[in-house]
Amino acid sequence: DEGILENVRIVSPHFQQRLADCARFPIVGDARGQGLIGCIEGRLCKDGSRLEDERKIGYRLDEVCNEMGLIVRPLINMCVFSPPLIITIPQIDQMFDILDTAIEQVSSEFLG
C-alpha cells in the first residue's frame, strides 16, 4: 500500500546508470548491480593485478565514504551497497556524488 515496489521500479534505472558511470575511474575494474544493489570492484590495472593489493581498495573506499557520511560495505576488493528501498532520485545523486569523490580520492592515493 505504501508504493515501495513502485518506487524501486522508478528509481532503479537512475541508480544503475549512476553505478555504470563509476566504471570511468581507473581503479574501477567493474561496476555492476541490479535494482538497488550495487558493487564496485577495485582493480589497480585493467589487465589484472594482485588481489592482495586490490583488497586495500575496498577497505579504503569504505573509510573515505564513511568520513563523508556514506555507509558502504567492503568485501575483498569490492565496495558493496544497497540503499533503502524508499530512496529518492536526489538521494541517489547525493550518494553517488559522495562515492565519485571517494573514488577520485582513493584513485589518487593508489595511482598517484
PDB file of N, CA and C in Angstrom:
ATOM      1  N   ASP A   1       0.807  -1.208   0.000  1.00  0.00           N
ATOM      2  CA  ASP A   1       0.000   0.000   0.000  1.00  0.00           C
ATOM      3  C   ASP A   1       0.850   1.273   0.000  1.00  0.00           C
ATOM      4  N   GLU A   2       2.091   1.159   0.410  1.00  0.00           N
ATOM      5  CA  GLU A   2       2.946   2.342   0.509  1.00  0.00           C
ATOM      6  C   GLU A   2       3.691   2.645  -0.782  1.00  0.00           C
ATOM      7  N   GLY A   3       3.584   1.796  -1.780  1.00  0.00           N
ATOM      8  CA  GLY A   3       4.210   2.058  -3.067  1.00  0.00           C
ATOM      9  C   GLY A   3       5.713   1.839  -3.094  1.00  0.00           C
ATOM     10  N   ILE A   4       6.215   1.024  -2.193  1.00  0.00           N
ATOM     11  CA  ILE A   4       7.670   0.815  -2.125  1.00  0.00           C
ATOM     12  C   ILE A   4       8.182   0.121  -3.384  1.00  0.00           C
ATOM     13  N   LEU A   5       7.525  -0.924  -3.821  1.00  0.00           N
ATOM     14  CA  LEU A   5       7.962  -1.629  -5.017  1.00  0.00           C
ATOM     15  C   LEU A   5       7.906  -0.713  -6.239  1.00  0.00           C
ATOM     16  N   GLU A   6       6.886   0.099  -6.329  1.00  0.00           N
ATOM     17  CA  GLU A   6       6.786   1.049  -7.440  1.00  0.00           C
ATOM     18  C   GLU A   6       7.935   2.051  -7.400  1.00  0.00           C
ATOM     19  N   ASN A   7       8.294   2.501  -6.208  1.00  0.00           N
ATOM     20  CA  ASN A   7       9.430   3.412  -6.088  1.00  0.00           C
ATOM     21  C   ASN A   7      10.708   2.748  -6.596  1.00  0.00           C
ATOM     22  N   VAL A   8      10.909   1.494  -6.219  1.00  0.00           N
ATOM     23  CA  VAL A   8      12.095   0.767  -6.681  1.00  0.00           C
ATOM     24  C   VAL A   8      12.109   0.701  -8.206  1.00  0.00           C
ATOM     25  N   ARG A   9      10.986   0.439  -8.809  1.00  0.00           N
ATOM     26  CA  ARG A   9      10.898   0.376 -10.276  1.00  0.00           C
ATOM     27  C   ARG A   9      11.214   1.730 -10.919  1.00  0.00           C
ATOM     28  N   ILE A  10      10.828   2.793 -10.259  1.00  0.00           N
ATOM     29  CA  ILE A  10      11.043   4.139 -10.805  1.00  0.00           C
ATOM     30  C   ILE A  10      12.506   4.569 -10.670  1.00  0.00           C
ATOM     31  N   VAL A  11      13.104   4.353  -9.499  1.00  0.00           N
ATOM     32  CA  VAL A  11      14.439   4.899  -9.246  1.00  0.00           C
ATOM     33  C   VAL A  11      15.588   3.973  -9.652  1.00  0.00           C
ATOM     34  N   SER A  12      15.324   2.686  -9.817  1.00  0.00           N
ATOM     35  CA  SER A  12      16.391   1.729 -10.144  1.00  0.00           C
ATOM     36  C   SER A  12      17.148   2.047 -11.431  1.00  0.00           C
ATOM     37  N   PRO A  13      16.476   2.438 -12.526  1.00  0.00           N
ATOM     38  CA  PRO A  13      17.251   2.757 -13.732  1.00  0.00           C
ATOM     39  C   PRO A  13      18.260   3.888 -13.508  1.00  0.00           C
ATOM     40  N   HIS A  14      17.863   4.900 -12.750  1.00  0.00           N
ATOM     41  CA  HIS A  14      18.775   6.013 -12.453  1.00  0.00           C
ATOM     42  C   HIS A  14      19.938   5.519 -11.590  1.00  0.00           C
ATOM     43  N   PHE A  15      19.626   4.718 -10.589  1.00  0.00           N
ATOM     44  CA  PHE A  15      20.656   4.130  -9.721  1.00  0.00           C
ATOM     45  C   PHE A  15      21.655   3.338 -10.560  1.00  0.00           C
ATOM     46  N   GLN A  16      21.152   2.486 -11.443  1.00  0.00           N
ATOM     47  CA  GLN A  16      22.029   1.647 -12.258  1.00  0.00           C
ATOM     48  C   GLN A  16      22.853   2.472 -13.249  1.00  0.00           C
ATOM     49  N   GLN A  17      22.302   3.563 -13.761  1.00  0.00           N
ATOM     50  CA  GLN A  17      23.070   4.433 -14.665  1.00  0.00           C
ATOM     51  C   GLN A  17      24.203   5.120 -13.921  1.00  0.00           C
ATOM     52  N   ARG A  18      23.913   5.633 -12.740  1.00  0.00           N
ATOM     53  CA  ARG A  18      24.967   6.275 -11.941  1.00  0.00           C
ATOM     54  C   ARG A  18      26.044   5.256 -11.559  1.00  0.00           C
ATOM     55  N   LEU A  19      25.632   4.024 -11.263  1.00  0.00           N
ATOM     56  CA  LEU A  19      26.579   2.956 -10.946  1.00  0.00           C
ATOM     57  C   LEU A  19      27.467   2.660 -12.150  1.00  0.00           C
ATOM     58  N   ALA A  20      26.871   2.498 -13.313  1.00  0.00           N
ATOM     59  CA  ALA A  20      27.641   2.208 -14.528  1.00  0.00           C
ATOM     60  C   ALA A  20      28.642   3.319 -14.836  1.00  0.00           C
ATOM     61  N   ASP A  21      28.280   4.563 -14.530  1.00  0.00           N
ATOM     62  CA  ASP A  21      29.175   5.695 -14.764  1.00  0.00           C
ATOM     63  C   ASP A  21      30.461   5.598 -13.939  1.00  0.00           C
ATOM     64  N   CYS A  22      30.432   4.850 -12.847  1.00  0.00           N
ATOM     65  CA  CYS A  22      31.618   4.706 -11.995  1.00  0.00           C
ATOM     66  C   CYS A  22      32.744   3.942 -12.695  1.00  0.00           C
ATOM     67  N   ALA A  23      32.424   3.225 -13.764  1.00  0.00           N
ATOM     68  CA  ALA A  23      33.439   2.457 -14.492  1.00  0.00           C
ATOM     69  C   ALA A  23      34.471   3.365 -15.155  1.00  0.00           C
ATOM     70  N   ARG A  24      34.221   4.660 -15.212  1.00  0.00           N
ATOM     71  CA  ARG A  24      35.155   5.588 -15.848  1.00  0.00           C
ATOM     72  C   ARG A  24      36.425   5.811 -15.025  1.00  0.00           C
ATOM     73  N   PHE A  25      36.401   5.443 -13.752  1.00  0.00           N
ATOM     74  CA  PHE A  25      37.556   5.666 -12.891  1.00  0.00           C
ATOM     75  C   PHE A  25      38.601   4.573 -13.098  1.00  0.00           C
ATOM     76  N   PRO A  26      39.878   4.930 -13.043  1.00  0.00           N
ATOM     77  CA  PRO A  26      40.933   3.954 -13.334  1.00  0.00           C
ATOM     78  C   PRO A  26      41.031   2.795 -12.338  1.00  0.00           C
ATOM     79  N   ILE A  27      40.581   2.968 -11.100  1.00  0.00           N
ATOM     80  CA  ILE A  27      40.682   1.858 -10.140  1.00  0.00           C
ATOM     81  C   ILE A  27      39.428   0.993 -10.117  1.00  0.00           C
ATOM     82  N   VAL A  28      38.450   1.306 -10.963  1.00  0.00           N
ATOM     83  CA  VAL A  28      37.223   0.508 -11.019  1.00  0.00           C
ATOM     84  C   VAL A  28      37.354  -0.496 -12.159  1.00  0.00           C
ATOM     85  N   GLY A  29      37.504  -1.764 -11.787  1.00  0.00           N
ATOM     86  CA  GLY A  29      37.578  -2.824 -12.788  1.00  0.00           C
ATOM     87  C   GLY A  29      36.209  -3.201 -13.305  1.00  0.00           C
ATOM     88  N   ASP A  30      35.192  -3.070 -12.449  1.00  0.00           N
ATOM     89  CA  ASP A  30      33.824  -3.402 -12.844  1.00  0.00           C
ATOM     90  C   ASP A  30      32.862  -2.683 -11.908  1.00  0.00           C
ATOM     91  N   ALA A  31      31.759  -2.232 -12.466  1.00  0.00           N
ATOM     92  CA  ALA A  31      30.670  -1.637 -11.687  1.00  0.00           C
ATOM     93  C   ALA A  31      29.410  -2.370 -12.122  1.00  0.00           C
ATOM     94  N   ARG A  32      28.789  -3.076 -11.196  1.00  0.00           N
ATOM     95  CA  ARG A  32      27.650  -3.911 -11.573  1.00  0.00           C
ATOM     96  C   ARG A  32      26.594  -3.894 -10.472  1.00  0.00           C
ATOM     97  N   GLY A  33      25.404  -4.296 -10.841  1.00  0.00           N
ATOM     98  CA  GLY A  33      24.332  -4.360  -9.863  1.00  0.00           C
ATOM     99  C   GLY A  33      23.024  -4.708 -10.528  1.00  0.00           C
ATOM    100  N   GLN A  34      22.002  -4.728  -9.712  1.00  0.00           N
ATOM    101  CA  GLN A  34      20.644  -4.966 -10.189  1.00  0.00           C
ATOM    102  C   GLN A  34      19.699  -4.299  -9.207  1.00  0.00           C
ATOM    103  N   GLY A  35      18.681  -3.654  -9.740  1.00  0.00           N
ATOM    104  CA  GLY A  35      17.745  -2.957  -8.863  1.00  0.00           C
ATOM    105  C   GLY A  35      18.462  -1.898  -8.053  1.00  0.00           C
ATOM    106  N   LEU A  36      18.346  -1.986  -6.742  1.00  0.00           N
ATOM    107  CA  LEU A  36      19.019  -1.041  -5.858  1.00  0.00           C
ATOM    108  C   LEU A  36      20.191  -1.694  -5.119  1.00  0.00           C
ATOM    109  N   ILE A  37      20.840  -2.632  -5.766  1.00  0.00           N
ATOM    110  CA  ILE A  37      22.044  -3.249  -5.212  1.00  0.00           C
ATOM    111  C   ILE A  37      23.181  -2.927  -6.163  1.00  0.00           C
ATOM    112  N   GLY A  38      24.307  -2.500  -5.614  1.00  0.00           N
ATOM    113  CA  GLY A  38      25.437  -2.150  -6.452  1.00  0.00           C
ATOM    114  C   GLY A  38      26.746  -2.661  -5.888  1.00  0.00           C
ATOM    115  N   CYS A  39      27.706  -2.830  -6.784  1.00  0.00           N
ATOM    116  CA  CYS A  39      29.033  -3.291  -6.409  1.00  0.00           C
ATOM    117  C   CYS A  39      30.057  -2.634  -7.319  1.00  0.00           C
ATOM    118  N   ILE A  40      31.086  -2.098  -6.716  1.00  0.00           N
ATOM    119  CA  ILE A  40      32.213  -1.567  -7.464  1.00  0.00           C
ATOM    120  C   ILE A  40      33.405  -2.443  -7.130  1.00  0.00           C
ATOM    121  N   GLU A  41      34.006  -3.022  -8.156  1.00  0.00           N
ATOM    122  CA  GLU A  41      35.158  -3.898  -7.965  1.00  0.00           C
ATOM    123  C   GLU A  41      36.432  -3.116  -8.257  1.00  0.00           C
ATOM    124  N   GLY A  42      37.313  -3.080  -7.268  1.00  0.00           N
ATOM    125  CA  GLY A  42      38.564  -2.364  -7.427  1.00  0.00           C
ATOM    126  C   GLY A  42      39.596  -3.188  -8.179  1.00  0.00           C
ATOM    127  N   ARG A  43      40.304  -2.520  -9.081  1.00  0.00           N
ATOM    128  CA  ARG A  43      41.373  -3.167  -9.824  1.00  0.00           C
ATOM    129  C   ARG A  43      42.435  -2.119 -10.098  1.00  0.00           C
ATOM    130  N   LEU A  44      43.675  -2.449  -9.810  1.00  0.00           N
ATOM    131  CA  LEU A  44      44.749  -1.467  -9.961  1.00  0.00           C
ATOM    132  C   LEU A  44      45.173  -1.286 -11.409  1.00  0.00           C
ATOM    133  N   CYS A  45      44.974  -2.277 -12.237  1.00  0.00           N
ATOM    134  CA  CYS A  45      45.221  -2.123 -13.670  1.00  0.00           C
ATOM    135  C   CYS A  45      44.228  -2.998 -14.418  1.00  0.00           C
ATOM    136  N   LYS A  46      43.887  -2.593 -15.615  1.00  0.00           N
ATOM    137  CA  LYS A  46      42.824  -3.270 -16.365  1.00  0.00           C
ATOM    138  C   LYS A  46      43.196  -4.699 -16.753  1.00  0.00           C
ATOM    139  N   ASP A  47      44.495  -5.007 -16.854  1.00  0.00           N
ATOM    140  CA  ASP A  47      44.874  -6.359 -17.246  1.00  0.00           C
ATOM    141  C   ASP A  47      45.131  -7.268 -16.048  1.00  0.00           C
ATOM    142  N   GLY A  48      44.719  -6.820 -14.885  1.00  0.00           N
ATOM    143  CA  GLY A  48      44.833  -7.659 -13.684  1.00  0.00           C
ATOM    144  C   GLY A  48      45.963  -7.207 -12.784  1.00  0.00           C
ATOM    145  N   SER A  49      45.863  -7.508 -11.536  1.00  0.00           N
ATOM    146  CA  SER A  49      46.902  -7.234 -10.559  1.00  0.00           C
ATOM    147  C   SER A  49      46.665  -8.158  -9.375  1.00  0.00           C
ATOM    148  N   ARG A  50      47.490  -8.054  -8.389  1.00  0.00           N
ATOM    149  CA  ARG A  50      47.405  -8.953  -7.249  1.00  0.00           C
ATOM    150  C   ARG A  50      46.200  -8.622  -6.372  1.00  0.00           C
ATOM    151  N   LEU A  51      45.415  -9.654  -6.054  1.00  0.00           N
ATOM    152  CA  LEU A  51      44.227  -9.477  -5.223  1.00  0.00           C
ATOM    153  C   LEU A  51      44.609  -8.912  -3.861  1.00  0.00           C
ATOM    154  N   GLU A  52      45.747  -9.295  -3.358  1.00  0.00           N
ATOM    155  CA  GLU A  52      46.204  -8.796  -2.061  1.00  0.00           C
ATOM    156  C   GLU A  52      46.301  -7.268  -2.062  1.00  0.00           C
ATOM    157  N   ASP A  53      46.796  -6.706  -3.154  1.00  0.00           N
ATOM    158  CA  ASP A  53      46.890  -5.244  -3.267  1.00  0.00           C
ATOM    159  C   ASP A  53      45.517  -4.621  -3.510  1.00  0.00           C
ATOM    160  N   GLU A  54      44.697  -5.283  -4.328  1.00  0.00           N
ATOM    161  CA  GLU A  54      43.379  -4.747  -4.649  1.00  0.00           C
ATOM    162  C   GLU A  54      42.434  -4.773  -3.450  1.00  0.00           C
ATOM    163  N   ARG A  55      42.660  -5.688  -2.537  1.00  0.00           N
ATOM    164  CA  ARG A  55      41.834  -5.790  -1.332  1.00  0.00           C
ATOM    165  C   ARG A  55      41.821  -4.464  -0.566  1.00  0.00           C
ATOM    166  N   LYS A  56      42.915  -3.750  -0.624  1.00  0.00           N
ATOM    167  CA  LYS A  56      43.041  -2.474   0.087  1.00  0.00           C
ATOM    168  C   LYS A  56      42.097  -1.414  -0.484  1.00  0.00           C
ATOM    169  N   ILE A  57      41.753  -1.541  -1.764  1.00  0.00           N
ATOM    170  CA  ILE A  57      40.876  -0.555  -2.393  1.00  0.00           C
ATOM    171  C   ILE A  57      39.497  -0.559  -1.734  1.00  0.00           C
ATOM    172  N   GLY A  58      38.920  -1.746  -1.553  1.00  0.00           N
ATOM    173  CA  GLY A  58      37.599  -1.838  -0.938  1.00  0.00           C
ATOM    174  C   GLY A  58      37.569  -1.245   0.456  1.00  0.00           C
ATOM    175  N   TYR A  59      38.585  -1.549   1.237  1.00  0.00           N
ATOM    176  CA  TYR A  59      38.627  -1.016   2.603  1.00  0.00           C
ATOM    177  C   TYR A  59      38.853   0.487   2.622  1.00  0.00           C
ATOM    178  N   ARG A  60      39.688   0.974   1.719  1.00  0.00           N
ATOM    179  CA  ARG A  60      39.950   2.410   1.689  1.00  0.00           C
ATOM    180  C   ARG A  60      38.720   3.177   1.202  1.00  0.00           C
ATOM    181  N   LEU A  61      37.997   2.634   0.211  1.00  0.00           N
ATOM    182  CA  LEU A  61      36.761   3.282  -0.226  1.00  0.00           C
ATOM    183  C   LEU A  61      35.760   3.351   0.920  1.00  0.00           C
ATOM    184  N   ASP A  62      35.677   2.278   1.696  1.00  0.00           N
ATOM    185  CA  ASP A  62      34.789   2.257   2.853  1.00  0.00           C
ATOM    186  C   ASP A  62      35.157   3.374   3.826  1.00  0.00           C
ATOM    187  N   GLU A  63      36.437   3.525   4.112  1.00  0.00           N
ATOM    188  CA  GLU A  63      36.885   4.553   5.064  1.00  0.00           C
ATOM    189  C   GLU A  63      36.556   5.955   4.572  1.00  0.00           C
ATOM    190  N   VAL A  64      36.881   6.237   3.318  1.00  0.00           N
ATOM    191  CA  VAL A  64      36.657   7.585   2.781  1.00  0.00           C
ATOM    192  C   VAL A  64      35.165   7.890   2.690  1.00  0.00           C
ATOM    193  N   CYS A  65      34.371   6.936   2.218  1.00  0.00           N
ATOM    194  CA  CYS A  65      32.915   7.157   2.156  1.00  0.00           C
ATOM    195  C   CYS A  65      32.347   7.414   3.549  1.00  0.00           C
ATOM    196  N   ASN A  66      32.788   6.620   4.513  1.00  0.00           N
ATOM    197  CA  ASN A  66      32.305   6.774   5.886  1.00  0.00           C
ATOM    198  C   ASN A  66      32.631   8.162   6.429  1.00  0.00           C
ATOM    199  N   GLU A  67      33.823   8.660   6.128  1.00  0.00           N
ATOM    200  CA  GLU A  67      34.210  10.006   6.571  1.00  0.00           C
ATOM    201  C   GLU A  67      33.289  11.073   5.994  1.00  0.00           C
ATOM    202  N   MET A  68      32.721  10.802   4.816  1.00  0.00           N
ATOM    203  CA  MET A  68      31.838  11.769   4.155  1.00  0.00           C
ATOM    204  C   MET A  68      30.366  11.488   4.415  1.00  0.00           C
ATOM    205  N   GLY A  69      30.062  10.492   5.274  1.00  0.00           N
ATOM    206  CA  GLY A  69      28.683  10.240   5.674  1.00  0.00           C
ATOM    207  C   GLY A  69      27.949   9.180   4.874  1.00  0.00           C
ATOM    208  N   LEU A  70      28.674   8.404   4.065  1.00  0.00           N
ATOM    209  CA  LEU A  70      28.044   7.346   3.276  1.00  0.00           C
ATOM    210  C   LEU A  70      28.540   5.996   3.767  1.00  0.00           C
ATOM    211  N   ILE A  71      27.613   5.132   4.111  1.00  0.00           N
ATOM    212  CA  ILE A  71      27.974   3.797   4.594  1.00  0.00           C
ATOM    213  C   ILE A  71      27.947   2.830   3.414  1.00  0.00           C
ATOM    214  N   VAL A  72      29.100   2.204   3.170  1.00  0.00           N
ATOM    215  CA  VAL A  72      29.209   1.136   2.173  1.00  0.00           C
ATOM    216  C   VAL A  72      29.859  -0.052   2.883  1.00  0.00           C
ATOM    217  N   ARG A  73      29.922  -1.175   2.185  1.00  0.00           N
ATOM    218  CA  ARG A  73      30.481  -2.365   2.815  1.00  0.00           C
ATOM    219  C   ARG A  73      31.636  -2.895   1.975  1.00  0.00           C
ATOM    220  N   PRO A  74      32.842  -2.938   2.556  1.00  0.00           N
ATOM    221  CA  PRO A  74      33.959  -3.522   1.821  1.00  0.00           C
ATOM    222  C   PRO A  74      33.846  -5.046   1.838  1.00  0.00           C
ATOM    223  N   LEU A  75      34.142  -5.650   0.719  1.00  0.00           N
ATOM    224  CA  LEU A  75      34.094  -7.103   0.603  1.00  0.00           C
ATOM    225  C   LEU A  75      35.222  -7.504  -0.347  1.00  0.00           C
ATOM    226  N   ILE A  76      36.309  -7.981   0.223  1.00  0.00           N
ATOM    227  CA  ILE A  76      37.527  -8.321  -0.504  1.00  0.00           C
ATOM    228  C   ILE A  76      37.999  -7.064  -1.249  1.00  0.00           C
ATOM    229  N   ASN A  77      37.965  -7.056  -2.587  1.00  0.00           N
ATOM    230  CA  ASN A  77      38.385  -5.878  -3.348  1.00  0.00           C
ATOM    231  C   ASN A  77      37.187  -5.093  -3.883  1.00  0.00           C
ATOM    232  N   MET A  78      36.031  -5.278  -3.247  1.00  0.00           N
ATOM    233  CA  MET A  78      34.807  -4.646  -3.724  1.00  0.00           C
ATOM    234  C   MET A  78      34.224  -3.702  -2.677  1.00  0.00           C
ATOM    235  N   CYS A  79      33.402  -2.829  -3.161  1.00  0.00           N
ATOM    236  CA  CYS A  79      32.619  -1.911  -2.337  1.00  0.00           C
ATOM    237  C   CYS A  79      31.168  -2.185  -2.700  1.00  0.00           C
ATOM    238  N   VAL A  80      30.400  -2.674  -1.737  1.00  0.00           N
ATOM    239  CA  VAL A  80      29.030  -3.113  -1.985  1.00  0.00           C
ATOM    240  C   VAL A  80      28.066  -2.173  -1.247  1.00  0.00           C
ATOM    241  N   PHE A  81      26.931  -1.887  -1.865  1.00  0.00           N
ATOM    242  CA  PHE A  81      25.961  -1.008  -1.222  1.00  0.00           C
ATOM    243  C   PHE A  81      24.554  -1.354  -1.677  1.00  0.00           C
ATOM    244  N   SER A  82      23.620  -1.115  -0.775  1.00  0.00           N
ATOM    245  CA  SER A  82      22.204  -1.341  -1.069  1.00  0.00           C
ATOM    246  C   SER A  82      21.396  -0.360  -0.227  1.00  0.00           C
ATOM    247  N   PRO A  83      21.000   0.745  -0.823  1.00  0.00           N
ATOM    248  CA  PRO A  83      20.281   1.771  -0.069  1.00  0.00           C
ATOM    249  C   PRO A  83      18.859   1.325   0.268  1.00  0.00           C
ATOM    250  N   PRO A  84      18.200   2.061   1.146  1.00  0.00           N
ATOM    251  CA  PRO A  84      16.803   1.743   1.482  1.00  0.00           C
ATOM    252  C   PRO A  84      15.914   1.789   0.238  1.00  0.00           C
ATOM    253  N   LEU A  85      14.913   0.956   0.212  1.00  0.00           N
ATOM    254  CA  LEU A  85      14.022   0.880  -0.943  1.00  0.00           C
ATOM    255  C   LEU A  85      13.180   2.140  -1.131  1.00  0.00           C
ATOM    256  N   ILE A  86      13.167   3.015  -0.157  1.00  0.00           N
ATOM    257  CA  ILE A  86      12.399   4.263  -0.265  1.00  0.00           C
ATOM    258  C   ILE A  86      13.271   5.430  -0.734  1.00  0.00           C
ATOM    259  N   ILE A  87      14.496   5.149  -1.158  1.00  0.00           N
ATOM    260  CA  ILE A  87      15.408   6.202  -1.595  1.00  0.00           C
ATOM    261  C   ILE A  87      14.806   6.979  -2.767  1.00  0.00           C
ATOM    262  N   THR A  88      15.146   8.261  -2.845  1.00  0.00           N
ATOM    263  CA  THR A  88      14.658   9.121  -3.923  1.00  0.00           C
ATOM    264  C   THR A  88      15.790   9.370  -4.925  1.00  0.00           C
ATOM    265  N   ILE A  89      15.448   9.885  -6.083  1.00  0.00           N
ATOM    266  CA  ILE A  89      16.467  10.191  -7.093  1.00  0.00           C
ATOM    267  C   ILE A  89      17.462  11.236  -6.573  1.00  0.00           C
ATOM    268  N   PRO A  90      17.023  12.328  -5.917  1.00  0.00           N
ATOM    269  CA  PRO A  90      18.015  13.258  -5.365  1.00  0.00           C
ATOM    270  C   PRO A  90      18.949  12.587  -4.335  1.00  0.00           C
ATOM    271  N   GLN A  91      18.425  11.661  -3.560  1.00  0.00           N
ATOM    272  CA  GLN A  91      19.265  10.950  -2.594  1.00  0.00           C
ATOM    273  C   GLN A  91      20.243  10.011  -3.297  1.00  0.00           C
ATOM    274  N   ILE A  92      19.804   9.403  -4.400  1.00  0.00           N
ATOM    275  CA  ILE A  92      20.713   8.571  -5.197  1.00  0.00           C
ATOM    276  C   ILE A  92      21.845   9.437  -5.742  1.00  0.00           C
ATOM    277  N   ASP A  93      21.515  10.617  -6.244  1.00  0.00           N
ATOM    278  CA  ASP A  93      22.550  11.514  -6.750  1.00  0.00           C
ATOM    279  C   ASP A  93      23.511  11.931  -5.648  1.00  0.00           C
ATOM    280  N   GLN A  94      22.992  12.220  -4.478  1.00  0.00           N
ATOM    281  CA  GLN A  94      23.850  12.584  -3.349  1.00  0.00           C
ATOM    282  C   GLN A  94      24.780  11.418  -3.001  1.00  0.00           C
ATOM    283  N   MET A  95      24.242  10.214  -2.973  1.00  0.00           N
ATOM    284  CA  MET A  95      25.024   9.030  -2.661  1.00  0.00           C
ATOM    285  C   MET A  95      26.161   8.841  -3.667  1.00  0.00           C
ATOM    286  N   PHE A  96      25.829   8.920  -4.960  1.00  0.00           N
ATOM    287  CA  PHE A  96      26.848   8.704  -5.984  1.00  0.00           C
ATOM    288  C   PHE A  96      27.812   9.876  -6.101  1.00  0.00           C
ATOM    289  N   ASP A  97      27.384  11.080  -5.760  1.00  0.00           N
ATOM    290  CA  ASP A  97      28.322  12.208  -5.728  1.00  0.00           C
ATOM    291  C   ASP A  97      29.389  11.963  -4.661  1.00  0.00           C
ATOM    292  N   ILE A  98      28.977  11.483  -3.503  1.00  0.00           N
ATOM    293  CA  ILE A  98      29.936  11.138  -2.448  1.00  0.00           C
ATOM    294  C   ILE A  98      30.833   9.994  -2.911  1.00  0.00           C
ATOM    295  N   LEU A  99      30.243   8.976  -3.491  1.00  0.00           N
ATOM    296  CA  LEU A  99      31.006   7.830  -3.968  1.00  0.00           C
ATOM    297  C   LEU A  99      32.011   8.247  -5.037  1.00  0.00           C
ATOM    298  N   ASP A 100      31.606   9.103  -5.973  1.00  0.00           N
ATOM    299  CA  ASP A 100      32.526   9.593  -7.002  1.00  0.00           C
ATOM    300  C   ASP A 100      33.710  10.323  -6.378  1.00  0.00           C
ATOM    301  N   THR A 101      33.435  11.182  -5.410  1.00  0.00           N
ATOM    302  CA  THR A 101      34.508  11.916  -4.731  1.00  0.00           C
ATOM    303  C   THR A 101      35.448  10.956  -4.018  1.00  0.00           C
ATOM    304  N   ALA A 102      34.890   9.950  -3.363  1.00  0.00           N
ATOM    305  CA  ALA A 102      35.704   8.947  -2.668  1.00  0.00           C
ATOM    306  C   ALA A 102      36.569   8.162  -3.650  1.00  0.00           C
ATOM    307  N   ILE A 103      36.002   7.768  -4.782  1.00  0.00           N
ATOM    308  CA  ILE A 103      36.770   7.021  -5.781  1.00  0.00           C
ATOM    309  C   ILE A 103      37.897   7.882  -6.335  1.00  0.00           C
ATOM    310  N   GLU A 104      37.618   9.160  -6.586  1.00  0.00           N
ATOM    311  CA  GLU A 104      38.676  10.069  -7.060  1.00  0.00           C
ATOM    312  C   GLU A 104      39.815  10.147  -6.049  1.00  0.00           C
ATOM    313  N   GLN A 105      39.462  10.277  -4.775  1.00  0.00           N
ATOM    314  CA  GLN A 105      40.481  10.383  -3.730  1.00  0.00           C
ATOM    315  C   GLN A 105      41.301   9.079  -3.627  1.00  0.00           C
ATOM    316  N   VAL A 106      40.620   7.961  -3.602  1.00  0.00           N
ATOM    317  CA  VAL A 106      41.317   6.679  -3.483  1.00  0.00           C
ATOM    318  C   VAL A 106      42.136   6.395  -4.742  1.00  0.00           C
ATOM    319  N   SER A 107      41.638   6.794  -5.905  1.00  0.00           N
ATOM    320  CA  SER A 107      42.413   6.628  -7.142  1.00  0.00           C
ATOM    321  C   SER A 107      43.727   7.383  -7.051  1.00  0.00           C
ATOM    322  N   SER A 108      43.659   8.618  -6.563  1.00  0.00           N
ATOM    323  CA  SER A 108      44.904   9.404  -6.469  1.00  0.00           C
ATOM    324  C   SER A 108      45.864   8.813  -5.442  1.00  0.00           C
ATOM    325  N   GLU A 109      45.325   8.205  -4.384  1.00  0.00           N
ATOM    326  CA  GLU A 109      46.193   7.575  -3.379  1.00  0.00           C
ATOM    327  C   GLU A 109      46.900   6.334  -3.945  1.00  0.00           C
ATOM    328  N   PHE A 110      46.196   5.555  -4.739  1.00  0.00           N
ATOM    329  CA  PHE A 110      46.766   4.318  -5.263  1.00  0.00           C
ATOM    330  C   PHE A 110      47.570   4.503  -6.531  1.00  0.00           C
ATOM    331  N   LEU A 111      47.156   5.469  -7.352  1.00  0.00           N
ATOM    332  CA  LEU A 111      47.805   5.631  -8.661  1.00  0.00           C
ATOM    333  C   LEU A 111      48.680   6.873  -8.768  1.00  0.00           C
ATOM    334  N   GLY A 112      48.608   7.711  -7.740  1.00  0.00           N
ATOM    335  CA  GLY A 112      49.457   8.906  -7.732  1.00  0.00           C
ATOM    336  C   GLY A 112      48.905  10.079  -8.430  1.00  0.00           C
TER     337      GLY A 112
END
